C-alpha atoms as a PDB file:
ATOM      1  CA  MET A   1      25.187 -40.281 -15.811  1.00  0.00           C
ATOM      2  CA  PRO A   2      23.427 -38.139 -18.199  1.00  0.00           C
ATOM      3  CA  GLY A   3      24.525 -37.923 -21.200  1.00  0.00           C
ATOM      4  CA  VAL A   4      25.946 -34.381 -23.189  1.00  0.00           C
ATOM      5  CA  ARG A   5      23.247 -34.032 -24.881  1.00  0.00           C
ATOM      6  CA  ASP A   6      20.554 -34.386 -21.741  1.00  0.00           C
ATOM      7  CA  ILE A   7      22.320 -31.710 -20.240  1.00  0.00           C
ATOM      8  CA  LYS A   8      22.369 -29.497 -22.854  1.00  0.00           C
ATOM      9  CA  ARG A   9      18.753 -29.244 -22.810  1.00  0.00           C
ATOM     10  CA  ARG A  10      18.758 -29.105 -19.161  1.00  0.00           C
ATOM     11  CA  ILE A  11      20.613 -25.924 -19.403  1.00  0.00           C
ATOM     12  CA  ARG A  12      18.897 -24.331 -22.358  1.00  0.00           C
ATOM     13  CA  SER A  13      15.434 -24.858 -20.239  1.00  0.00           C
ATOM     14  CA  VAL A  14      17.034 -23.534 -16.558  1.00  0.00           C
ATOM     15  CA  LYS A  15      18.323 -20.509 -18.868  1.00  0.00           C
ATOM     16  CA  SER A  16      14.549 -20.366 -20.466  1.00  0.00           C
ATOM     17  CA  THR A  17      13.143 -19.838 -16.617  1.00  0.00           C
ATOM     18  CA  GLN A  18      15.638 -18.252 -15.500  1.00  0.00           C
ATOM     19  CA  GLN A  19      14.723 -15.329 -17.956  1.00  0.00           C
ATOM     20  CA  ILE A  20      10.935 -15.711 -17.009  1.00  0.00           C
ATOM     21  CA  THR A  21      11.937 -15.174 -13.232  1.00  0.00           C
ATOM     22  CA  LYS A  22      13.935 -11.761 -13.867  1.00  0.00           C
ATOM     23  CA  ALA A  23      11.517 -10.333 -15.858  1.00  0.00           C
ATOM     24  CA  MET A  24       8.547 -11.290 -13.097  1.00  0.00           C
ATOM     25  CA  LYS A  25      10.985  -9.710 -10.455  1.00  0.00           C
ATOM     26  CA  MET A  26      11.643  -6.893 -12.682  1.00  0.00           C
ATOM     27  CA  VAL A  27       7.560  -6.116 -12.920  1.00  0.00           C
ATOM     28  CA  ALA A  28       7.390  -6.940  -9.349  1.00  0.00           C
ATOM     29  CA  ALA A  29       9.648  -4.694  -8.424  1.00  0.00           C
ATOM     30  CA  ALA A  30       7.438  -1.488 -10.456  1.00  0.00           C
ATOM     31  CA  LYS A  31       4.553  -2.523  -8.887  1.00  0.00           C
ATOM     32  CA  LEU A  32       6.199  -2.245  -5.649  1.00  0.00           C
ATOM     33  CA  ARG A  33       7.337   1.347  -5.689  1.00  0.00           C
ATOM     34  CA  LYS A  34       4.421   2.378  -7.301  1.00  0.00           C
ATOM     35  CA  THR A  35       2.025   0.855  -4.391  1.00  0.00           C
ATOM     36  CA  GLN A  36       4.754   1.147  -1.340  1.00  0.00           C
ATOM     37  CA  GLU A  37       4.416   5.053  -2.172  1.00  0.00           C
ATOM     38  CA  ALA A  38       0.873   4.998  -2.096  1.00  0.00           C
ATOM     39  CA  VAL A  39       0.487   2.843   1.176  1.00  0.00           C
ATOM     40  CA  VAL A  40       3.438   5.207   3.027  1.00  0.00           C
ATOM     41  CA  ALA A  41       1.174   8.416   2.198  1.00  0.00           C
ATOM     42  CA  SER A  42      -2.272   6.850   3.374  1.00  0.00           C
ATOM     43  CA  ARG A  43      -1.000   5.984   6.990  1.00  0.00           C
ATOM     44  CA  PRO A  44      -0.539   9.465   8.002  1.00  0.00           C
ATOM     45  CA  TYR A  45      -4.554   9.788   7.131  1.00  0.00           C
ATOM     46  CA  ALA A  46      -5.766   6.406   8.681  1.00  0.00           C
ATOM     47  CA  LYS A  47      -3.381   7.824  11.851  1.00  0.00           C
ATOM     48  CA  LYS A  48      -4.958  10.521  12.110  1.00  0.00           C
ATOM     49  CA  MET A  49      -8.430   9.741  11.521  1.00  0.00           C
ATOM     50  CA  GLU A  50      -8.432   7.072  14.449  1.00  0.00           C
ATOM     51  CA  GLU A  51      -6.749   9.775  16.395  1.00  0.00           C
ATOM     52  CA  VAL A  52      -9.880  12.236  15.568  1.00  0.00           C
ATOM     53  CA  LEU A  53     -12.874   9.567  16.163  1.00  0.00           C
ATOM     54  CA  GLY A  54     -11.024   8.517  19.455  1.00  0.00           C
ATOM     55  CA  ARG A  55     -11.194  12.274  20.598  1.00  0.00           C
ATOM     56  CA  ILE A  56     -15.117  12.530  19.573  1.00  0.00           C
ATOM     57  CA  VAL A  57     -15.691   8.942  20.937  1.00  0.00           C
ATOM     58  CA  ALA A  58     -14.526  10.110  24.540  1.00  0.00           C
ATOM     59  CA  SER A  59     -16.894  12.995  24.162  1.00  0.00           C
ATOM     60  CA  ALA A  60     -20.039  11.951  23.188  1.00  0.00           C
ATOM     61  CA  GLU A  61     -22.351  11.244  25.839  1.00  0.00           C
ATOM     62  CA  GLU A  62     -23.922   8.471  24.164  1.00  0.00           C
ATOM     63  CA  LYS A  63     -22.633   5.768  22.346  1.00  0.00           C
ATOM     64  CA  ILE A  64     -25.403   4.359  20.200  1.00  0.00           C
ATOM     65  CA  HIS A  65     -24.079   3.747  16.735  1.00  0.00           C
ATOM     66  CA  PRO A  66     -24.611   0.017  15.295  1.00  0.00           C
ATOM     67  CA  PHE A  67     -20.856   0.098  14.742  1.00  0.00           C
ATOM     68  CA  MET A  68     -20.140   0.592  18.230  1.00  0.00           C
ATOM     69  CA  VAL A  69     -22.771  -1.496  19.792  1.00  0.00           C
ATOM     70  CA  ALA A  70     -21.037  -4.499  21.094  1.00  0.00           C
ATOM     71  CA  GLY A  71     -23.237  -7.928  22.180  1.00  0.00           C
ATOM     72  CA  PRO A  72     -23.064 -11.701  22.586  1.00  0.00           C
ATOM     73  CA  VAL A  73     -20.496 -13.044  19.988  1.00  0.00           C
ATOM     74  CA  SER A  74     -22.067 -16.340  17.818  1.00  0.00           C
ATOM     75  CA  THR A  75     -20.913 -15.267  14.661  1.00  0.00           C
ATOM     76  CA  ALA A  76     -17.678 -13.996  13.225  1.00  0.00           C
ATOM     77  CA  GLY A  77     -16.753 -12.645   9.978  1.00  0.00           C
ATOM     78  CA  ILE A  78     -13.177 -12.829   8.756  1.00  0.00           C
ATOM     79  CA  VAL A  79     -11.912 -10.816   5.744  1.00  0.00           C
ATOM     80  CA  LEU A  80      -9.013 -12.627   4.304  1.00  0.00           C
ATOM     81  CA  PHE A  81      -6.788 -10.891   1.665  1.00  0.00           C
ATOM     82  CA  THR A  82      -4.606 -12.757  -0.123  1.00  0.00           C
ATOM     83  CA  ALA A  83      -3.613 -12.828  -3.856  1.00  0.00           C
ATOM     84  CA  ASP A  84      -5.150 -14.021  -6.617  1.00  0.00           C
ATOM     85  CA  ARG A  85      -2.031 -15.378  -8.280  1.00  0.00           C
ATOM     86  CA  GLY A  86       1.100 -17.722  -6.529  1.00  0.00           C
ATOM     87  CA  LEU A  87       4.879 -17.306  -6.757  1.00  0.00           C
ATOM     88  CA  ALA A  88       4.706 -15.063  -4.484  1.00  0.00           C
ATOM     89  CA  GLY A  89       6.643 -17.182  -1.800  1.00  0.00           C
ATOM     90  CA  GLY A  90       4.672 -17.690   1.533  1.00  0.00           C
ATOM     91  CA  TYR A  91       3.092 -14.734   1.239  1.00  0.00           C
ATOM     92  CA  ASN A  92      -0.515 -16.720   0.433  1.00  0.00           C
ATOM     93  CA  ALA A  93       0.426 -19.740   3.003  1.00  0.00           C
ATOM     94  CA  ASN A  94       1.164 -17.202   5.790  1.00  0.00           C
ATOM     95  CA  LEU A  95      -2.141 -15.817   5.487  1.00  0.00           C
ATOM     96  CA  ILE A  96      -4.586 -18.668   4.938  1.00  0.00           C
ATOM     97  CA  ARG A  97      -2.480 -20.028   8.264  1.00  0.00           C
ATOM     98  CA  LYS A  98      -3.244 -17.195  10.060  1.00  0.00           C
ATOM     99  CA  ALA A  99      -7.206 -17.337   9.051  1.00  0.00           C
ATOM    100  CA  VAL A 100      -7.120 -21.126  10.118  1.00  0.00           C
ATOM    101  CA  VAL A 101      -5.508 -20.361  13.368  1.00  0.00           C
ATOM    102  CA  GLU A 102      -7.590 -17.427  14.153  1.00  0.00           C
ATOM    103  CA  ALA A 103     -11.038 -19.406  13.297  1.00  0.00           C
ATOM    104  CA  ALA A 104      -9.597 -22.033  15.958  1.00  0.00           C
ATOM    105  CA  ARG A 105      -9.082 -19.719  18.257  1.00  0.00           C
ATOM    106  CA  MET A 106     -12.597 -18.388  18.271  1.00  0.00           C
ATOM    107  CA  GLU A 107     -14.151 -21.024  20.736  1.00  0.00           C
ATOM    108  CA  ASP A 108     -17.993 -21.867  20.133  1.00  0.00           C
ATOM    109  CA  VAL A 109     -18.118 -19.434  17.696  1.00  0.00           C
ATOM    110  CA  GLU A 110     -19.252 -20.208  14.128  1.00  0.00           C
ATOM    111  CA  THR A 111     -16.240 -18.274  11.553  1.00  0.00           C
ATOM    112  CA  ARG A 112     -17.617 -16.835   8.147  1.00  0.00           C
ATOM    113  CA  PHE A 113     -15.200 -15.785   5.390  1.00  0.00           C
ATOM    114  CA  ILE A 114     -15.310 -12.665   2.810  1.00  0.00           C
ATOM    115  CA  THR A 115     -12.360 -13.661   0.774  1.00  0.00           C
ATOM    116  CA  VAL A 116     -10.474 -11.040  -1.315  1.00  0.00           C
ATOM    117  CA  GLY A 117      -8.089 -13.168  -3.704  1.00  0.00           C
ATOM    118  CA  ARG A 118      -8.669 -16.296  -5.456  1.00  0.00           C
ATOM    119  CA  LYS A 119      -6.016 -18.362  -3.414  1.00  0.00           C
ATOM    120  CA  GLY A 120      -7.830 -17.383  -0.076  1.00  0.00           C
ATOM    121  CA  ARG A 121     -10.844 -18.603  -2.018  1.00  0.00           C
ATOM    122  CA  ASP A 122     -10.089 -21.607  -3.505  1.00  0.00           C
ATOM    123  CA  TYR A 123      -8.545 -22.925   0.194  1.00  0.00           C
ATOM    124  CA  LEU A 124     -11.557 -21.931   1.499  1.00  0.00           C
ATOM    125  CA  ARG A 125     -14.068 -23.406  -0.756  1.00  0.00           C
ATOM    126  CA  ARG A 126     -11.741 -26.525  -1.005  1.00  0.00           C
ATOM    127  CA  ARG A 127     -12.002 -26.867   3.338  1.00  0.00           C
ATOM    128  CA  GLN A 128     -16.000 -26.173   2.421  1.00  0.00           C
ATOM    129  CA  LYS A 129     -16.125 -23.192   4.649  1.00  0.00           C
ATOM    130  CA  THR A 130     -18.805 -20.589   4.088  1.00  0.00           C
ATOM    131  CA  ILE A 131     -17.895 -17.512   2.036  1.00  0.00           C
ATOM    132  CA  ASP A 132     -20.559 -15.072   1.934  1.00  0.00           C
ATOM    133  CA  GLY A 133     -18.605 -12.986  -0.707  1.00  0.00           C
ATOM    134  CA  GLN A 134     -15.478 -13.047  -2.945  1.00  0.00           C
ATOM    135  CA  PHE A 135     -13.962 -10.129  -4.599  1.00  0.00           C
ATOM    136  CA  ILE A 136     -11.433 -10.528  -7.623  1.00  0.00           C
ATOM    137  CA  GLY A 137      -9.299  -9.222  -9.748  1.00  0.00           C
ATOM    138  CA  ILE A 138      -8.589  -6.256  -7.055  1.00  0.00           C
ATOM    139  CA  LYS A 139      -6.208  -3.759  -9.397  1.00  0.00           C
ATOM    140  CA  ASP A 140      -2.180  -3.406  -8.598  1.00  0.00           C
ATOM    141  CA  THR A 141      -2.548  -0.408  -7.000  1.00  0.00           C
ATOM    142  CA  PRO A 142      -6.063  -0.382  -5.341  1.00  0.00           C
ATOM    143  CA  THR A 143      -8.843   2.244  -5.856  1.00  0.00           C
ATOM    144  CA  ILE A 144     -11.129   3.286  -2.426  1.00  0.00           C
ATOM    145  CA  THR A 145     -14.133   2.149  -4.798  1.00  0.00           C
ATOM    146  CA  GLU A 146     -12.803  -1.369  -4.886  1.00  0.00           C
ATOM    147  CA  ALA A 147     -12.292  -0.717  -0.824  1.00  0.00           C
ATOM    148  CA  LYS A 148     -15.612   0.313  -0.189  1.00  0.00           C
ATOM    149  CA  GLU A 149     -17.425  -2.545  -1.957  1.00  0.00           C
ATOM    150  CA  ILE A 150     -15.694  -4.767   0.141  1.00  0.00           C
ATOM    151  CA  ALA A 151     -16.608  -2.373   3.240  1.00  0.00           C
ATOM    152  CA  ASN A 152     -20.401  -2.239   1.843  1.00  0.00           C
ATOM    153  CA  MET A 153     -20.490  -6.203   2.013  1.00  0.00           C
ATOM    154  CA  ALA A 154     -18.726  -6.395   5.364  1.00  0.00           C
ATOM    155  CA  THR A 155     -20.870  -3.628   7.099  1.00  0.00           C
ATOM    156  CA  GLY A 156     -24.337  -4.799   5.194  1.00  0.00           C
ATOM    157  CA  LEU A 157     -23.570  -8.426   6.754  1.00  0.00           C
ATOM    158  CA  TYR A 158     -22.933  -6.772  10.118  1.00  0.00           C
ATOM    159  CA  LEU A 159     -25.927  -4.548  10.233  1.00  0.00           C
ATOM    160  CA  ASN A 160     -28.160  -7.276   9.674  1.00  0.00           C
ATOM    161  CA  GLY A 161     -27.099  -9.632  11.967  1.00  0.00           C
ATOM    162  CA  THR A 162     -25.033 -11.876  10.245  1.00  0.00           C
ATOM    163  CA  TYR A 163     -21.821 -11.394  11.645  1.00  0.00           C
ATOM    164  CA  ASP A 164     -21.857 -10.367  15.403  1.00  0.00           C
ATOM    165  CA  GLU A 165     -18.474  -9.254  14.649  1.00  0.00           C
ATOM    166  CA  VAL A 166     -15.872  -8.478  11.537  1.00  0.00           C
ATOM    167  CA  TYR A 167     -12.228  -8.705  11.466  1.00  0.00           C
ATOM    168  CA  LEU A 168      -9.596  -8.320   8.827  1.00  0.00           C
ATOM    169  CA  ILE A 169      -6.732 -10.576   8.056  1.00  0.00           C
ATOM    170  CA  TYR A 170      -3.962  -9.399   6.119  1.00  0.00           C
ATOM    171  CA  GLN A 171      -0.127  -9.001   5.474  1.00  0.00           C
ATOM    172  CA  GLU A 172       1.298  -5.619   6.895  1.00  0.00           C
ATOM    173  CA  PHE A 173       4.089  -4.309   4.779  1.00  0.00           C
ATOM    174  CA  ILE A 174       7.280  -3.674   6.337  1.00  0.00           C
ATOM    175  CA  SER A 175       9.675  -3.576   3.819  1.00  0.00           C
ATOM    176  CA  ALA A 176      10.160  -5.317   0.369  1.00  0.00           C
ATOM    177  CA  VAL A 177      11.566  -8.663   1.961  1.00  0.00           C
ATOM    178  CA  GLN A 178       9.768  -8.618   5.075  1.00  0.00           C
ATOM    179  CA  GLN A 179       5.461  -8.685   5.874  1.00  0.00           C
ATOM    180  CA  ARG A 180       3.661  -9.533   8.970  1.00  0.00           C
ATOM    181  CA  PRO A 181       0.543 -11.225   8.828  1.00  0.00           C
ATOM    182  CA  VAL A 182      -1.583  -9.490  10.928  1.00  0.00           C
ATOM    183  CA  ILE A 183      -5.641  -9.678  11.964  1.00  0.00           C
ATOM    184  CA  LYS A 184      -7.513  -6.292  13.168  1.00  0.00           C
ATOM    185  CA  LYS A 185     -11.042  -6.129  14.178  1.00  0.00           C
ATOM    186  CA  LEU A 186     -12.992  -3.997  11.901  1.00  0.00           C
ATOM    187  CA  LEU A 187     -16.414  -4.336  13.688  1.00  0.00           C
ATOM    188  CA  PRO A 188     -17.670  -3.349  16.423  1.00  0.00           C
ATOM    189  CA  ILE A 189     -15.203  -0.270  16.274  1.00  0.00           C
ATOM    190  CA  PRO A 190     -12.892  -1.041  19.373  1.00  0.00           C
ATOM    191  CA  PHE A 191     -12.525   2.558  20.718  1.00  0.00           C
ATOM    192  CA  GLU A 192     -11.631   2.554  24.180  1.00  0.00           C
ATOM    193  CA  GLU A 193     -12.551   5.542  26.619  1.00  0.00           C
ATOM    194  CA  GLY A 194      -9.908   8.391  26.732  1.00  0.00           C
ATOM    195  CA  GLU A 195      -8.227   6.825  22.900  1.00  0.00           C
ATOM    196  CA  GLY A 196      -7.448   9.863  20.884  1.00  0.00           C
ATOM    197  CA  GLY A 197      -3.571  10.563  22.660  1.00  0.00           C
ATOM    198  CA  GLN A 198      -3.384  14.470  24.871  1.00  0.00           C
ATOM    199  CA  GLU A 199      -6.900  15.470  25.880  1.00  0.00           C
ATOM    200  CA  THR A 200      -7.793  19.096  23.927  1.00  0.00           C
ATOM    201  CA  ASP A 201     -11.225  20.466  24.278  1.00  0.00           C
ATOM    202  CA  TYR A 202     -13.305  20.859  20.825  1.00  0.00           C
ATOM    203  CA  LEU A 203     -16.073  22.648  19.601  1.00  0.00           C
ATOM    204  CA  TYR A 204     -18.195  20.283  17.683  1.00  0.00           C
ATOM    205  CA  GLU A 205     -20.962  21.651  15.195  1.00  0.00           C
ATOM    206  CA  PRO A 206     -22.762  19.726  15.002  1.00  0.00           C
ATOM    207  CA  GLN A 207     -23.001  17.335  18.168  1.00  0.00           C
ATOM    208  CA  PRO A 208     -20.337  14.901  18.540  1.00  0.00           C
ATOM    209  CA  GLY A 209     -22.884  11.849  17.766  1.00  0.00           C
ATOM    210  CA  GLN A 210     -23.903  13.835  14.665  1.00  0.00           C
ATOM    211  CA  VAL A 211     -20.267  13.719  13.474  1.00  0.00           C
ATOM    212  CA  LEU A 212     -19.718  10.127  14.750  1.00  0.00           C
ATOM    213  CA  GLU A 213     -23.015   9.246  12.140  1.00  0.00           C
ATOM    214  CA  MET A 214     -20.811  10.991   9.440  1.00  0.00           C
ATOM    215  CA  LEU A 215     -17.526   9.816   9.877  1.00  0.00           C
ATOM    216  CA  LEU A 216     -17.862   6.138  11.222  1.00  0.00           C
ATOM    217  CA  PRO A 217     -18.700   4.823   7.845  1.00  0.00           C
ATOM    218  CA  LYS A 218     -15.684   6.867   6.279  1.00  0.00           C
ATOM    219  CA  TYR A 219     -13.351   4.968   9.106  1.00  0.00           C
ATOM    220  CA  VAL A 220     -14.431   1.699   8.342  1.00  0.00           C
ATOM    221  CA  ASN A 221     -13.978   2.104   4.764  1.00  0.00           C
ATOM    222  CA  ASN A 222     -10.453   3.650   5.135  1.00  0.00           C
ATOM    223  CA  GLU A 223      -9.520   0.819   7.555  1.00  0.00           C
ATOM    224  CA  VAL A 224     -11.089  -1.868   4.169  1.00  0.00           C
ATOM    225  CA  PHE A 225      -8.679   0.919   2.009  1.00  0.00           C
ATOM    226  CA  GLN A 226      -5.763   0.580   4.077  1.00  0.00           C
ATOM    227  CA  ALA A 227      -5.723  -3.041   4.361  1.00  0.00           C
ATOM    228  CA  LEU A 228      -6.418  -3.687   0.619  1.00  0.00           C
ATOM    229  CA  MET A 229      -3.096  -1.054   0.494  1.00  0.00           C
ATOM    230  CA  GLU A 230      -1.265  -2.974   2.583  1.00  0.00           C
ATOM    231  CA  ALA A 231      -2.009  -6.130   1.311  1.00  0.00           C
ATOM    232  CA  LYS A 232      -0.793  -5.374  -2.629  1.00  0.00           C
ATOM    233  CA  ALA A 233       2.089  -3.945  -1.309  1.00  0.00           C
ATOM    234  CA  SER A 234       3.248  -7.263   0.637  1.00  0.00           C
ATOM    235  CA  GLU A 235       2.262  -9.355  -2.332  1.00  0.00           C
ATOM    236  CA  HIS A 236       4.518  -7.502  -4.814  1.00  0.00           C
ATOM    237  CA  GLY A 237       7.238  -7.478  -2.029  1.00  0.00           C
ATOM    238  CA  ALA A 238       6.787 -11.204  -1.580  1.00  0.00           C
ATOM    239  CA  ARG A 239       6.907 -11.922  -5.327  1.00  0.00           C
ATOM    240  CA  MET A 240       9.737  -9.695  -6.096  1.00  0.00           C
ATOM    241  CA  THR A 241      11.885 -11.611  -3.200  1.00  0.00           C
ATOM    242  CA  ALA A 242      10.692 -15.283  -4.483  1.00  0.00           C
ATOM    243  CA  MET A 243      11.478 -14.034  -8.377  1.00  0.00           C
ATOM    244  CA  SER A 244      14.801 -12.912  -7.260  1.00  0.00           C
ATOM    245  CA  SER A 245      15.551 -15.704  -5.355  1.00  0.00           C
ATOM    246  CA  ALA A 246      14.402 -17.990  -7.417  1.00  0.00           C
ATOM    247  CA  THR A 247      16.461 -16.043 -10.445  1.00  0.00           C
ATOM    248  CA  ASP A 248      19.278 -16.648  -8.448  1.00  0.00           C
ATOM    249  CA  ASN A 249      18.896 -20.204  -7.588  1.00  0.00           C
ATOM    250  CA  ALA A 250      18.594 -20.601 -11.495  1.00  0.00           C
ATOM    251  CA  GLY A 251      22.004 -19.441 -12.008  1.00  0.00           C
ATOM    252  CA  GLU A 252      23.780 -21.662  -9.258  1.00  0.00           C
ATOM    253  CA  MET A 253      21.718 -24.853 -11.001  1.00  0.00           C
ATOM    254  CA  ILE A 254      22.992 -23.314 -14.396  1.00  0.00           C
ATOM    255  CA  ASP A 255      26.778 -23.413 -13.416  1.00  0.00           C
ATOM    256  CA  LYS A 256      26.308 -26.440 -11.617  1.00  0.00           C
ATOM    257  CA  LEU A 257      25.406 -27.859 -14.815  1.00  0.00           C
ATOM    258  CA  VAL A 258      27.852 -26.513 -17.268  1.00  0.00           C
ATOM    259  CA  LEU A 259      29.977 -28.367 -14.927  1.00  0.00           C
ATOM    260  CA  SER A 260      28.553 -31.442 -15.391  1.00  0.00           C
ATOM    261  CA  PHE A 261      28.264 -30.697 -19.159  1.00  0.00           C
ATOM    262  CA  ASN A 262      32.152 -30.138 -19.505  1.00  0.00           C
ATOM    263  CA  ARG A 263      32.790 -33.391 -17.210  1.00  0.00           C
ATOM    264  CA  ALA A 264      30.414 -35.338 -19.467  1.00  0.00           C
ATOM    265  CA  ARG A 265      32.143 -34.251 -22.577  1.00  0.00           C
ATOM    266  CA  GLN A 266      35.855 -34.515 -20.915  1.00  0.00           C
ATOM    267  CA  ALA A 267      34.693 -38.253 -20.815  1.00  0.00           C
ATOM    268  CA  ALA A 268      32.990 -38.716 -23.617  1.00  0.00           C
ATOM    269  CA  ILE A 269      36.225 -37.378 -25.438  1.00  0.00           C
ATOM    270  CA  THR A 270      38.768 -39.369 -23.330  1.00  0.00           C
ATOM    271  CA  ARG A 271      36.378 -42.004 -23.793  1.00  0.00           C
ATOM    272  CA  GLU A 272      36.597 -41.797 -28.020  1.00  0.00           C
ATOM    273  CA  ILE A 273      40.624 -41.095 -28.226  1.00  0.00           C
ATOM    274  CA  ALA A 274      40.499 -44.799 -25.885  1.00  0.00           C
ATOM    275  CA  GLU A 275      38.613 -46.401 -28.507  1.00  0.00           C
ATOM    276  CA  ILE A 276      41.163 -45.038 -31.233  1.00  0.00           C
ATOM    277  CA  VAL A 277      43.981 -45.958 -29.349  1.00  0.00           C
ATOM    278  CA  GLY A 278      42.835 -49.642 -29.360  1.00  0.00           C
ATOM    279  CA  GLY A 279      41.648 -50.074 -32.421  1.00  0.00           C
ATOM    280  CA  ALA A 280      45.311 -48.888 -33.844  1.00  0.00           C
ATOM    281  CA  ASN A 281      46.712 -50.931 -31.619  1.00  0.00           C
ATOM    282  CA  ALA A 282      44.528 -53.727 -32.706  1.00  0.00           C
ATOM    283  CA  LEU A 283      45.533 -52.864 -36.365  1.00  0.00           C
ATOM    284  CA  ASN A 284      48.897 -53.366 -35.629  1.00  0.00           C
ATOM    285  CA  ALA A 285      49.293 -56.340 -33.282  1.00  0.00           C
END
């Protein structure tokens, strides 16, 4: 059984760890509050843009924009959104597992990666996967400029023929305690005929094809930006939940250690009393 001194040292160590995890929980909660507001505010815009583009696609006579032309697929690009740091529960592991599973499903298709975040990059590099681009140090509340850099790399590799398809893999933010890894096709844009909800007649100036020429790059940028926002909100939520659990577990461990400390101290006192009584009896004998 550990001695009183060892248990006391262990209690101090766990209390120090508990203070750190509690501070990290509070920091993650503050970041989550700000990012959550941003991601909720950006969803209506993304939904409306998809709806409007769906209507324009249905109205366009020809769909010859490179972002919309699907062909034979021999190489797929996956943009994987992970965190730069750990201590976020299963956040990074779930994303990496999703990427590995999806890549395995693409039979007879070479998969290449663009990584956003250090954890995904390090994992894929250890597995000697092909990484065409990497983005580290994304802000806690992402900016459209950061999203454009990622989108420009993905669209550039798609347009020059390196990728035949592009997918986004990220955590969809549901709540502070729930996130869901999803895969979304980015290119070619998966619009279907008649998409866009209720049919409405519109007058276009300029023509639908010219409108698409202007809007499609904005749509791609916005899709990457939305994925980036969802990923960051999910990361903050996962880290807050993980640090909250760690803080609670540390508290339970401290309670158990205090109980063990009291027992060890009581046993030491009882042993000392027994030795004193034994010594006194020996003197009186």
